[in-house]
Amino acid sequence: SNQRHSGFLPEERAWLDTLFDEVGWVDAFRRLVQAPEEYTWWSHRGQ
């Protein structure tokens, strides 16, 4: 439901793809932790 919302737009995600896959930077957290639900931000809405 968030694919058209800022923060998860295709263009934004493609930017990270380029950063990691082409330019060679690494998402160091994901290198160590592959588990789901490792979130870092939560809306104040809806509990």
ModelCIF file with pLDDT and N, C-alpha, C, O atoms, coordinates in Angstrom:
data_MODEL
#
_entry.id   MODEL 
#
_entity.id                         1 
_entity.type                       polymer 
_entity.pdbx_number_of_molecules   1 
#
_entity_poly.entity_id                      1 
_entity_poly.type                           'polypeptide(L)' 
_entity_poly.nstd_linkage                   no 
_entity_poly.nstd_monomer                   no 
_entity_poly.pdbx_seq_one_letter_code       SNQRHSGFLPEERAWLDTLFDEVGWVDAFRRLVQAPEEYTWWSHRGQ 
_entity_poly.pdbx_seq_one_letter_code_can   SNQRHSGFLPEERAWLDTLFDEVGWVDAFRRLVQAPEEYTWWSHRGQ 
_entity_poly.pdbx_strand_id                 A 
#
loop_
_entity_poly_seq.entity_id 
_entity_poly_seq.num 
_entity_poly_seq.mon_id 
_entity_poly_seq.hetero 
1 1  SER n 
1 2  ASN n 
1 3  GLN n 
1 4  ARG n 
1 5  HIS n 
1 6  SER n 
1 7  GLY n 
1 8  PHE n 
1 9  LEU n 
1 10 PRO n 
1 11 GLU n 
1 12 GLU n 
1 13 ARG n 
1 14 ALA n 
1 15 TRP n 
1 16 LEU n 
1 17 ASP n 
1 18 THR n 
1 19 LEU n 
1 20 PHE n 
1 21 ASP n 
1 22 GLU n 
1 23 VAL n 
1 24 GLY n 
1 25 TRP n 
1 26 VAL n 
1 27 ASP n 
1 28 ALA n 
1 29 PHE n 
1 30 ARG n 
1 31 ARG n 
1 32 LEU n 
1 33 VAL n 
1 34 GLN n 
1 35 ALA n 
1 36 PRO n 
1 37 GLU n 
1 38 GLU n 
1 39 TYR n 
1 40 THR n 
1 41 TRP n 
1 42 TRP n 
1 43 SER n 
1 44 HIS n 
1 45 ARG n 
1 46 GLY n 
1 47 GLN n 
#
_struct_asym.id          A 
_struct_asym.entity_id   1 
#
loop_
_ma_qa_metric.id 
_ma_qa_metric.mode 
_ma_qa_metric.name 
_ma_qa_metric.software_group_id 
_ma_qa_metric.type 
1 global pLDDT . pLDDT 
2 local  pLDDT . pLDDT 
#
_ma_qa_metric_global.metric_id      1 
_ma_qa_metric_global.metric_value   96.96 
_ma_qa_metric_global.model_id       1 
_ma_qa_metric_global.ordinal_id     1 
#
loop_
_ma_qa_metric_local.label_asym_id 
_ma_qa_metric_local.label_comp_id 
_ma_qa_metric_local.label_seq_id 
_ma_qa_metric_local.metric_id 
_ma_qa_metric_local.metric_value 
_ma_qa_metric_local.model_id 
_ma_qa_metric_local.ordinal_id 
A SER 1  2 96.00 1 1  
A ASN 2  2 96.00 1 2  
A GLN 3  2 97.00 1 3  
A ARG 4  2 96.00 1 4  
A HIS 5  2 97.00 1 5  
A SER 6  2 98.00 1 6  
A GLY 7  2 98.00 1 7  
A PHE 8  2 98.00 1 8  
A LEU 9  2 98.00 1 9  
A PRO 10 2 98.00 1 10 
A GLU 11 2 98.00 1 11 
A GLU 12 2 98.00 1 12 
A ARG 13 2 98.00 1 13 
A ALA 14 2 98.00 1 14 
A TRP 15 2 98.00 1 15 
A LEU 16 2 98.00 1 16 
A ASP 17 2 98.00 1 17 
A THR 18 2 98.00 1 18 
A LEU 19 2 98.00 1 19 
A PHE 20 2 98.00 1 20 
A ASP 21 2 98.00 1 21 
A GLU 22 2 98.00 1 22 
A VAL 23 2 98.00 1 23 
A GLY 24 2 98.00 1 24 
A TRP 25 2 98.00 1 25 
A VAL 26 2 98.00 1 26 
A ASP 27 2 98.00 1 27 
A ALA 28 2 98.00 1 28 
A PHE 29 2 98.00 1 29 
A ARG 30 2 98.00 1 30 
A ARG 31 2 97.00 1 31 
A LEU 32 2 98.00 1 32 
A VAL 33 2 98.00 1 33 
A GLN 34 2 95.00 1 34 
A ALA 35 2 95.00 1 35 
A PRO 36 2 95.00 1 36 
A GLU 37 2 96.00 1 37 
A GLU 38 2 98.00 1 38 
A TYR 39 2 98.00 1 39 
A THR 40 2 98.00 1 40 
A TRP 41 2 98.00 1 41 
A TRP 42 2 98.00 1 42 
A SER 43 2 95.00 1 43 
A HIS 44 2 92.00 1 44 
A ARG 45 2 91.00 1 45 
A GLY 46 2 89.00 1 46 
A GLN 47 2 94.00 1 47 
#
loop_
_atom_site.group_PDB 
_atom_site.id 
_atom_site.type_symbol 
_atom_site.label_atom_id 
_atom_site.label_alt_id 
_atom_site.label_comp_id 
_atom_site.label_asym_id 
_atom_site.label_entity_id 
_atom_site.label_seq_id 
_atom_site.pdbx_PDB_ins_code 
_atom_site.Cartn_x 
_atom_site.Cartn_y 
_atom_site.Cartn_z 
_atom_site.occupancy 
_atom_site.B_iso_or_equiv 
_atom_site.pdbx_formal_charge 
_atom_site.auth_seq_id 
_atom_site.auth_comp_id 
_atom_site.auth_asym_id 
_atom_site.auth_atom_id 
_atom_site.pdbx_PDB_model_num 
ATOM 1   N N  . SER A 1 1  ? 0.806  -1.219  0.000  1.00 96.00 ? 1  SER A N  1 
ATOM 2   C CA . SER A 1 1  ? 0.000  0.000   0.000  1.00 96.00 ? 1  SER A CA 1 
ATOM 3   C C  . SER A 1 1  ? 0.840  1.271   0.000  1.00 96.00 ? 1  SER A C  1 
ATOM 4   O O  . SER A 1 1  ? 0.294  2.371   -0.079 1.00 96.00 ? 1  SER A O  1 
ATOM 5   N N  . ASN A 1 2  ? 2.170  1.133   0.088  1.00 96.00 ? 2  ASN A N  1 
ATOM 6   C CA . ASN A 1 2  ? 3.030  2.321   0.145  1.00 96.00 ? 2  ASN A CA 1 
ATOM 7   C C  . ASN A 1 2  ? 3.878  2.525   -1.103 1.00 96.00 ? 2  ASN A C  1 
ATOM 8   O O  . ASN A 1 2  ? 4.792  3.350   -1.093 1.00 96.00 ? 2  ASN A O  1 
ATOM 9   N N  . GLN A 1 3  ? 3.600  1.800   -2.167 1.00 97.00 ? 3  GLN A N  1 
ATOM 10  C CA . GLN A 1 3  ? 4.432  1.888   -3.360 1.00 97.00 ? 3  GLN A CA 1 
ATOM 11  C C  . GLN A 1 3  ? 4.302  3.225   -4.089 1.00 97.00 ? 3  GLN A C  1 
ATOM 12  O O  . GLN A 1 3  ? 5.138  3.550   -4.932 1.00 97.00 ? 3  GLN A O  1 
ATOM 13  N N  . ARG A 1 4  ? 3.275  3.994   -3.777 1.00 96.00 ? 4  ARG A N  1 
ATOM 14  C CA . ARG A 1 4  ? 3.116  5.320   -4.376 1.00 96.00 ? 4  ARG A CA 1 
ATOM 15  C C  . ARG A 1 4  ? 3.365  6.428   -3.366 1.00 96.00 ? 4  ARG A C  1 
ATOM 16  O O  . ARG A 1 4  ? 3.040  7.588   -3.621 1.00 96.00 ? 4  ARG A O  1 
ATOM 17  N N  . HIS A 1 5  ? 3.933  6.082   -2.235 1.00 97.00 ? 5  HIS A N  1 
ATOM 18  C CA . HIS A 1 5  ? 4.192  7.058   -1.188 1.00 97.00 ? 5  HIS A CA 1 
ATOM 19  C C  . HIS A 1 5  ? 5.683  7.359   -1.097 1.00 97.00 ? 5  HIS A C  1 
ATOM 20  O O  . HIS A 1 5  ? 6.521  6.479   -1.294 1.00 97.00 ? 5  HIS A O  1 
ATOM 21  N N  . SER A 1 6  ? 6.002  8.625   -0.792 1.00 98.00 ? 6  SER A N  1 
ATOM 22  C CA . SER A 1 6  ? 7.393  9.013   -0.613 1.00 98.00 ? 6  SER A CA 1 
ATOM 23  C C  . SER A 1 6  ? 8.045  8.129   0.447  1.00 98.00 ? 6  SER A C  1 
ATOM 24  O O  . SER A 1 6  ? 7.464  7.847   1.495  1.00 98.00 ? 6  SER A O  1 
ATOM 25  N N  . GLY A 1 7  ? 9.265  7.706   0.141  1.00 98.00 ? 7  GLY A N  1 
ATOM 26  C CA . GLY A 1 7  ? 9.979  6.795   1.026  1.00 98.00 ? 7  GLY A CA 1 
ATOM 27  C C  . GLY A 1 7  ? 10.004 5.374   0.513  1.00 98.00 ? 7  GLY A C  1 
ATOM 28  O O  . GLY A 1 7  ? 10.834 4.566   0.931  1.00 98.00 ? 7  GLY A O  1 
ATOM 29  N N  . PHE A 1 8  ? 9.074  5.063   -0.416 1.00 98.00 ? 8  PHE A N  1 
ATOM 30  C CA . PHE A 1 8  ? 9.086  3.732   -1.028 1.00 98.00 ? 8  PHE A CA 1 
ATOM 31  C C  . PHE A 1 8  ? 8.715  3.823   -2.511 1.00 98.00 ? 8  PHE A C  1 
ATOM 32  O O  . PHE A 1 8  ? 8.205  2.863   -3.088 1.00 98.00 ? 8  PHE A O  1 
ATOM 33  N N  . LEU A 1 9  ? 8.972  4.967   -3.113 1.00 98.00 ? 9  LEU A N  1 
ATOM 34  C CA . LEU A 1 9  ? 8.700  5.140   -4.526 1.00 98.00 ? 9  LEU A CA 1 
ATOM 35  C C  . LEU A 1 9  ? 9.722  4.364   -5.354 1.00 98.00 ? 9  LEU A C  1 
ATOM 36  O O  . LEU A 1 9  ? 10.871 4.219   -4.937 1.00 98.00 ? 9  LEU A O  1 
ATOM 37  N N  . PRO A 1 10 ? 9.320  3.868   -6.513 1.00 98.00 ? 10 PRO A N  1 
ATOM 38  C CA . PRO A 1 10 ? 10.257 3.102   -7.352 1.00 98.00 ? 10 PRO A CA 1 
ATOM 39  C C  . PRO A 1 10 ? 11.547 3.859   -7.654 1.00 98.00 ? 10 PRO A C  1 
ATOM 40  O O  . PRO A 1 10 ? 12.627 3.268   -7.672 1.00 98.00 ? 10 PRO A O  1 
ATOM 41  N N  . GLU A 1 11 ? 11.435 5.168   -7.893 1.00 98.00 ? 11 GLU A N  1 
ATOM 42  C CA . GLU A 1 11 ? 12.627 5.951   -8.219 1.00 98.00 ? 11 GLU A CA 1 
ATOM 43  C C  . GLU A 1 11 ? 13.586 6.030   -7.030 1.00 98.00 ? 11 GLU A C  1 
ATOM 44  O O  . GLU A 1 11 ? 14.804 5.998   -7.208 1.00 98.00 ? 11 GLU A O  1 
ATOM 45  N N  . GLU A 1 12 ? 13.042 6.131   -5.831 1.00 98.00 ? 12 GLU A N  1 
ATOM 46  C CA . GLU A 1 12 ? 13.885 6.182   -4.638 1.00 98.00 ? 12 GLU A CA 1 
ATOM 47  C C  . GLU A 1 12 ? 14.583 4.848   -4.394 1.00 98.00 ? 12 GLU A C  1 
ATOM 48  O O  . GLU A 1 12 ? 15.773 4.802   -4.079 1.00 98.00 ? 12 GLU A O  1 
ATOM 49  N N  . ARG A 1 13 ? 13.835 3.780   -4.542 1.00 98.00 ? 13 ARG A N  1 
ATOM 50  C CA . ARG A 1 13 ? 14.406 2.457   -4.333 1.00 98.00 ? 13 ARG A CA 1 
ATOM 51  C C  . ARG A 1 13 ? 15.457 2.146   -5.396 1.00 98.00 ? 13 ARG A C  1 
ATOM 52  O O  . ARG A 1 13 ? 16.462 1.494   -5.112 1.00 98.00 ? 13 ARG A O  1 
ATOM 53  N N  . ALA A 1 14 ? 15.217 2.617   -6.628 1.00 98.00 ? 14 ALA A N  1 
ATOM 54  C CA . ALA A 1 14 ? 16.200 2.421   -7.694 1.00 98.00 ? 14 ALA A CA 1 
ATOM 55  C C  . ALA A 1 14 ? 17.485 3.193   -7.396 1.00 98.00 ? 14 ALA A C  1 
ATOM 56  O O  . ALA A 1 14 ? 18.579 2.758   -7.756 1.00 98.00 ? 14 ALA A O  1 
ATOM 57  N N  . TRP A 1 15 ? 17.341 4.336   -6.738 1.00 98.00 ? 15 TRP A N  1 
ATOM 58  C CA . TRP A 1 15 ? 18.532 5.101   -6.346 1.00 98.00 ? 15 TRP A CA 1 
ATOM 59  C C  . TRP A 1 15 ? 19.401 4.278   -5.402 1.00 98.00 ? 15 TRP A C  1 
ATOM 60  O O  . TRP A 1 15 ? 20.624 4.255   -5.540 1.00 98.00 ? 15 TRP A O  1 
ATOM 61  N N  . LEU A 1 16 ? 18.770 3.603   -4.443 1.00 98.00 ? 16 LEU A N  1 
ATOM 62  C CA . LEU A 1 16 ? 19.539 2.732   -3.544 1.00 98.00 ? 16 LEU A CA 1 
ATOM 63  C C  . LEU A 1 16 ? 20.110 1.530   -4.285 1.00 98.00 ? 16 LEU A C  1 
ATOM 64  O O  . LEU A 1 16 ? 21.221 1.095   -3.983 1.00 98.00 ? 16 LEU A O  1 
ATOM 65  N N  . ASP A 1 17 ? 19.376 0.990   -5.243 1.00 98.00 ? 17 ASP A N  1 
ATOM 66  C CA . ASP A 1 17 ? 19.916 -0.102  -6.059 1.00 98.00 ? 17 ASP A CA 1 
ATOM 67  C C  . ASP A 1 17 ? 21.217 0.336   -6.728 1.00 98.00 ? 17 ASP A C  1 
ATOM 68  O O  . ASP A 1 17 ? 22.205 -0.397  -6.721 1.00 98.00 ? 17 ASP A O  1 
ATOM 69  N N  . THR A 1 18 ? 21.206 1.531   -7.301 1.00 98.00 ? 18 THR A N  1 
ATOM 70  C CA . THR A 1 18 ? 22.402 2.053   -7.959 1.00 98.00 ? 18 THR A CA 1 
ATOM 71  C C  . THR A 1 18 ? 23.532 2.231   -6.955 1.00 98.00 ? 18 THR A C  1 
ATOM 72  O O  . THR A 1 18 ? 24.681 1.885   -7.231 1.00 98.00 ? 18 THR A O  1 
ATOM 73  N N  . LEU A 1 19 ? 23.197 2.769   -5.795 1.00 98.00 ? 19 LEU A N  1 
ATOM 74  C CA . LEU A 1 19 ? 24.205 3.012   -4.768 1.00 98.00 ? 19 LEU A CA 1 
ATOM 75  C C  . LEU A 1 19 ? 24.893 1.721   -4.349 1.00 98.00 ? 19 LEU A C  1 
ATOM 76  O O  . LEU A 1 19 ? 26.116 1.674   -4.216 1.00 98.00 ? 19 LEU A O  1 
ATOM 77  N N  . PHE A 1 20 ? 24.104 0.679   -4.144 1.00 98.00 ? 20 PHE A N  1 
ATOM 78  C CA . PHE A 1 20 ? 24.657 -0.583  -3.653 1.00 98.00 ? 20 PHE A CA 1 
ATOM 79  C C  . PHE A 1 20 ? 25.214 -1.463  -4.771 1.00 98.00 ? 20 PHE A C  1 
ATOM 80  O O  . PHE A 1 20 ? 26.305 -2.018  -4.639 1.00 98.00 ? 20 PHE A O  1 
ATOM 81  N N  . ASP A 1 21 ? 24.473 -1.593  -5.864 1.00 98.00 ? 21 ASP A N  1 
ATOM 82  C CA . ASP A 1 21 ? 24.835 -2.566  -6.894 1.00 98.00 ? 21 ASP A CA 1 
ATOM 83  C C  . ASP A 1 21 ? 25.834 -2.033  -7.913 1.00 98.00 ? 21 ASP A C  1 
ATOM 84  O O  . ASP A 1 21 ? 26.642 -2.791  -8.449 1.00 98.00 ? 21 ASP A O  1 
ATOM 85  N N  . GLU A 1 22 ? 25.779 -0.734  -8.180 1.00 98.00 ? 22 GLU A N  1 
ATOM 86  C CA . GLU A 1 22 ? 26.659 -0.153  -9.192 1.00 98.00 ? 22 GLU A CA 1 
ATOM 87  C C  . GLU A 1 22 ? 27.844 0.587   -8.577 1.00 98.00 ? 22 GLU A C  1 
ATOM 88  O O  . GLU A 1 22 ? 28.990 0.363   -8.967 1.00 98.00 ? 22 GLU A O  1 
ATOM 89  N N  . VAL A 1 23 ? 27.568 1.459   -7.625 1.00 98.00 ? 23 VAL A N  1 
ATOM 90  C CA . VAL A 1 23 ? 28.631 2.290   -7.055 1.00 98.00 ? 23 VAL A CA 1 
ATOM 91  C C  . VAL A 1 23 ? 29.440 1.515   -6.020 1.00 98.00 ? 23 VAL A C  1 
ATOM 92  O O  . VAL A 1 23 ? 30.612 1.820   -5.800 1.00 98.00 ? 23 VAL A O  1 
ATOM 93  N N  . GLY A 1 24 ? 28.828 0.514   -5.382 1.00 98.00 ? 24 GLY A N  1 
ATOM 94  C CA . GLY A 1 24 ? 29.589 -0.383  -4.531 1.00 98.00 ? 24 GLY A CA 1 
ATOM 95  C C  . GLY A 1 24 ? 29.534 -0.112  -3.049 1.00 98.00 ? 24 GLY A C  1 
ATOM 96  O O  . GLY A 1 24 ? 30.328 -0.676  -2.297 1.00 98.00 ? 24 GLY A O  1 
ATOM 97  N N  . TRP A 1 25 ? 28.605 0.749   -2.591 1.00 98.00 ? 25 TRP A N  1 
ATOM 98  C CA . TRP A 1 25 ? 28.397 0.920   -1.163 1.00 98.00 ? 25 TRP A CA 1 
ATOM 99  C C  . TRP A 1 25 ? 27.621 -0.262  -0.599 1.00 98.00 ? 25 TRP A C  1 
ATOM 100 O O  . TRP A 1 25 ? 27.018 -1.028  -1.351 1.00 98.00 ? 25 TRP A O  1 
ATOM 101 N N  . VAL A 1 26 ? 27.635 -0.414  0.720  1.00 98.00 ? 26 VAL A N  1 
ATOM 102 C CA . VAL A 1 26 ? 27.046 -1.589  1.350  1.00 98.00 ? 26 VAL A CA 1 
ATOM 103 C C  . VAL A 1 26 ? 26.085 -1.165  2.463  1.00 98.00 ? 26 VAL A C  1 
ATOM 104 O O  . VAL A 1 26 ? 26.416 -0.308  3.282  1.00 98.00 ? 26 VAL A O  1 
ATOM 105 N N  . ASP A 1 27 ? 24.910 -1.763  2.486  1.00 98.00 ? 27 ASP A N  1 
ATOM 106 C CA . ASP A 1 27 ? 23.976 -1.625  3.603  1.00 98.00 ? 27 ASP A CA 1 
ATOM 107 C C  . ASP A 1 27 ? 24.493 -2.563  4.699  1.00 98.00 ? 27 ASP A C  1 
ATOM 108 O O  . ASP A 1 27 ? 24.135 -3.740  4.741  1.00 98.00 ? 27 ASP A O  1 
ATOM 109 N N  . ALA A 1 28 ? 25.335 -2.026  5.580  1.00 98.00 ? 28 ALA A N  1 
ATOM 110 C CA . ALA A 1 28 ? 26.070 -2.873  6.531  1.00 98.00 ? 28 ALA A CA 1 
ATOM 111 C C  . ALA A 1 28 ? 25.145 -3.585  7.510  1.00 98.00 ? 28 ALA A C  1 
ATOM 112 O O  . ALA A 1 28 ? 25.417 -4.716  7.912  1.00 98.00 ? 28 ALA A O  1 
ATOM 113 N N  . PHE A 1 29 ? 24.056 -2.930  7.896  1.00 98.00 ? 29 PHE A N  1 
ATOM 114 C CA . PHE A 1 29 ? 23.106 -3.581  8.810  1.00 98.00 ? 29 PHE A CA 1 
ATOM 115 C C  . PHE A 1 29 ? 22.525 -4.833  8.165  1.00 98.00 ? 29 PHE A C  1 
ATOM 116 O O  . PHE A 1 29 ? 22.488 -5.896  8.785  1.00 98.00 ? 29 PHE A O  1 
ATOM 117 N N  . ARG A 1 30 ? 22.068 -4.707  6.906  1.00 98.00 ? 30 ARG A N  1 
ATOM 118 C CA . ARG A 1 30 ? 21.461 -5.854  6.229  1.00 98.00 ? 30 ARG A CA 1 
ATOM 119 C C  . ARG A 1 30 ? 22.491 -6.939  5.921  1.00 98.00 ? 30 ARG A C  1 
ATOM 120 O O  . ARG A 1 30 ? 22.122 -8.101  5.747  1.00 98.00 ? 30 ARG A O  1 
ATOM 121 N N  . ARG A 1 31 ? 23.741 -6.593  5.851  1.00 97.00 ? 31 ARG A N  1 
ATOM 122 C CA . ARG A 1 31 ? 24.759 -7.623  5.660  1.00 97.00 ? 31 ARG A CA 1 
ATOM 123 C C  . ARG A 1 31 ? 24.783 -8.583  6.835  1.00 97.00 ? 31 ARG A C  1 
ATOM 124 O O  . ARG A 1 31 ? 25.075 -9.767  6.676  1.00 97.00 ? 31 ARG A O  1 
ATOM 125 N N  . LEU A 1 32 ? 24.469 -8.059  8.034  1.00 98.00 ? 32 LEU A N  1 
ATOM 126 C CA . LEU A 1 32 ? 24.489 -8.885  9.232  1.00 98.00 ? 32 LEU A CA 1 
ATOM 127 C C  . LEU A 1 32 ? 23.117 -9.395  9.648  1.00 98.00 ? 32 LEU A C  1 
ATOM 128 O O  . LEU A 1 32 ? 23.002 -10.493 10.193 1.00 98.00 ? 32 LEU A O  1 
ATOM 129 N N  . VAL A 1 33 ? 22.083 -8.613  9.398  1.00 98.00 ? 33 VAL A N  1 
ATOM 130 C CA . VAL A 1 33 ? 20.742 -8.926  9.904  1.00 98.00 ? 33 VAL A CA 1 
ATOM 131 C C  . VAL A 1 33 ? 19.774 -9.027  8.730  1.00 98.00 ? 33 VAL A C  1 
ATOM 132 O O  . VAL A 1 33 ? 19.430 -8.020  8.110  1.00 98.00 ? 33 VAL A O  1 
ATOM 133 N N  . GLN A 1 34 ? 19.337 -10.252 8.430  1.00 95.00 ? 34 GLN A N  1 
ATOM 134 C CA . GLN A 1 34 ? 18.391 -10.464 7.336  1.00 95.00 ? 34 GLN A CA 1 
ATOM 135 C C  . GLN A 1 34 ? 16.955 -10.652 7.817  1.00 95.00 ? 34 GLN A C  1 
ATOM 136 O O  . GLN A 1 34 ? 16.054 -10.861 7.005  1.00 95.00 ? 34 GLN A O  1 
ATOM 137 N N  . ALA A 1 35 ? 16.737 -10.581 9.119  1.00 95.00 ? 35 ALA A N  1 
ATOM 138 C CA . ALA A 1 35 ? 15.414 -10.824 9.674  1.00 95.00 ? 35 ALA A CA 1 
ATOM 139 C C  . ALA A 1 35 ? 14.437 -9.729  9.266  1.00 95.00 ? 35 ALA A C  1 
ATOM 140 O O  . ALA A 1 35 ? 14.838 -8.576  9.106  1.00 95.00 ? 35 ALA A O  1 
ATOM 141 N N  . PRO A 1 36 ? 13.159 -10.071 9.095  1.00 95.00 ? 36 PRO A N  1 
ATOM 142 C CA . PRO A 1 36 ? 12.146 -9.055  8.808  1.00 95.00 ? 36 PRO A CA 1 
ATOM 143 C C  . PRO A 1 36 ? 11.792 -8.266  10.071 1.00 95.00 ? 36 PRO A C  1 
ATOM 144 O O  . PRO A 1 36 ? 12.217 -8.604  11.176 1.00 95.00 ? 36 PRO A O  1 
ATOM 145 N N  . GLU A 1 37 ? 11.017 -7.225  9.877  1.00 96.00 ? 37 GLU A N  1 
ATOM 146 C CA . GLU A 1 37 ? 10.474 -6.404  10.967 1.00 96.00 ? 37 GLU A CA 1 
ATOM 147 C C  . GLU A 1 37 ? 11.556 -5.726  11.795 1.00 96.00 ? 37 GLU A C  1 
ATOM 148 O O  . GLU A 1 37 ? 11.354 -5.461  12.980 1.00 96.00 ? 37 GLU A O  1 
ATOM 149 N N  . GLU A 1 38 ? 12.695 -5.445  11.187 1.00 98.00 ? 38 GLU A N  1 
ATOM 150 C CA . GLU A 1 38 ? 13.753 -4.673  11.848 1.00 98.00 ? 38 GLU A CA 1 
ATOM 151 C C  . GLU A 1 38 ? 13.573 -3.210  11.462 1.00 98.00 ? 38 GLU A C  1 
ATOM 152 O O  . GLU A 1 38 ? 14.361 -2.659  10.694 1.00 98.00 ? 38 GLU A O  1 
ATOM 153 N N  . TYR A 1 39 ? 12.531 -2.590  12.000 1.00 98.00 ? 39 TYR A N  1 
ATOM 154 C CA . TYR A 1 39 ? 12.177 -1.237  11.603 1.00 98.00 ? 39 TYR A CA 1 
ATOM 155 C C  . TYR A 1 39 ? 12.852 -0.212  12.510 1.00 98.00 ? 39 TYR A C  1 
ATOM 156 O O  . TYR A 1 39 ? 13.279 -0.527  13.621 1.00 98.00 ? 39 TYR A O  1 
ATOM 157 N N  . THR A 1 40 ? 12.938 1.032   12.006 1.00 98.00 ? 40 THR A N  1 
ATOM 158 C CA . THR A 1 40 ? 13.572 2.102   12.788 1.00 98.00 ? 40 THR A CA 1 
ATOM 159 C C  . THR A 1 40 ? 12.686 3.335   12.914 1.00 98.00 ? 40 THR A C  1 
ATOM 160 O O  . THR A 1 40 ? 13.052 4.275   13.620 1.00 98.00 ? 40 THR A O  1 
ATOM 161 N N  . TRP A 1 41 ? 11.527 3.360   12.248 1.00 98.00 ? 41 TRP A N  1 
ATOM 162 C CA . TRP A 1 41 ? 10.616 4.505   12.333 1.00 98.00 ? 41 TRP A CA 1 
ATOM 163 C C  . TRP A 1 41 ? 9.181  4.009   12.341 1.00 98.00 ? 41 TRP A C  1 
ATOM 164 O O  . TRP A 1 41 ? 8.818  3.075   11.626 1.00 98.00 ? 41 TRP A O  1 
ATOM 165 N N  . TRP A 1 42 ? 8.368  4.667   13.178 1.00 98.00 ? 42 TRP A N  1 
ATOM 166 C CA . TRP A 1 42 ? 6.951  4.310   13.310 1.00 98.00 ? 42 TRP A CA 1 
ATOM 167 C C  . TRP A 1 42 ? 6.128  5.589   13.332 1.00 98.00 ? 42 TRP A C  1 
ATOM 168 O O  . TRP A 1 42 ? 6.480  6.548   14.019 1.00 98.00 ? 42 TRP A O  1 
ATOM 169 N N  . SER A 1 43 ? 5.051  5.602   12.592 1.00 95.00 ? 43 SER A N  1 
ATOM 170 C CA . SER A 1 43 ? 4.121  6.729   12.625 1.00 95.00 ? 43 SER A CA 1 
ATOM 171 C C  . SER A 1 43 ? 3.513  6.857   14.023 1.00 95.00 ? 43 SER A C  1 
ATOM 172 O O  . SER A 1 43 ? 3.442  5.888   14.779 1.00 95.00 ? 43 SER A O  1 
ATOM 173 N N  . HIS A 1 44 ? 3.083  8.063   14.341 1.00 92.00 ? 44 HIS A N  1 
ATOM 174 C CA . HIS A 1 44 ? 2.367  8.270   15.598 1.00 92.00 ? 44 HIS A CA 1 
ATOM 175 C C  . HIS A 1 44 ? 0.901  7.845   15.486 1.00 92.00 ? 44 HIS A C  1 
ATOM 176 O O  . HIS A 1 44 ? 0.165  7.866   16.472 1.00 92.00 ? 44 HIS A O  1 
ATOM 177 N N  . ARG A 1 45 ? 0.493  7.465   14.298 1.00 91.00 ? 45 ARG A N  1 
ATOM 178 C CA . ARG A 1 45 ? -0.908 7.119   14.064 1.00 91.00 ? 45 ARG A CA 1 
ATOM 179 C C  . ARG A 1 45 ? -1.158 5.620   14.225 1.00 91.00 ? 45 ARG A C  1 
ATOM 180 O O  . ARG A 1 45 ? -0.265 4.798   14.017 1.00 91.00 ? 45 ARG A O  1 
ATOM 181 N N  . GLY A 1 46 ? -2.381 5.290   14.596 1.00 89.00 ? 46 GLY A N  1 
ATOM 182 C CA . GLY A 1 46 ? -2.848 3.911   14.546 1.00 89.00 ? 46 GLY A CA 1 
ATOM 183 C C  . GLY A 1 46 ? -2.072 2.899   15.363 1.00 89.00 ? 46 GLY A C  1 
ATOM 184 O O  . GLY A 1 46 ? -2.001 1.729   14.987 1.00 89.00 ? 46 GLY A O  1 
ATOM 185 N N  . GLN A 1 47 ? -1.486 3.327   16.479 1.00 94.00 ? 47 GLN A N  1 
ATOM 186 C CA . GLN A 1 47 ? -0.732 2.409   17.349 1.00 94.00 ? 47 GLN A CA 1 
ATOM 187 C C  . GLN A 1 47 ? 0.381  1.687   16.592 1.00 94.00 ? 47 GLN A C  1 
ATOM 188 O O  . GLN A 1 47 ? 1.105  0.883   17.178 1.00 94.00 ? 47 GLN A O  1 
#
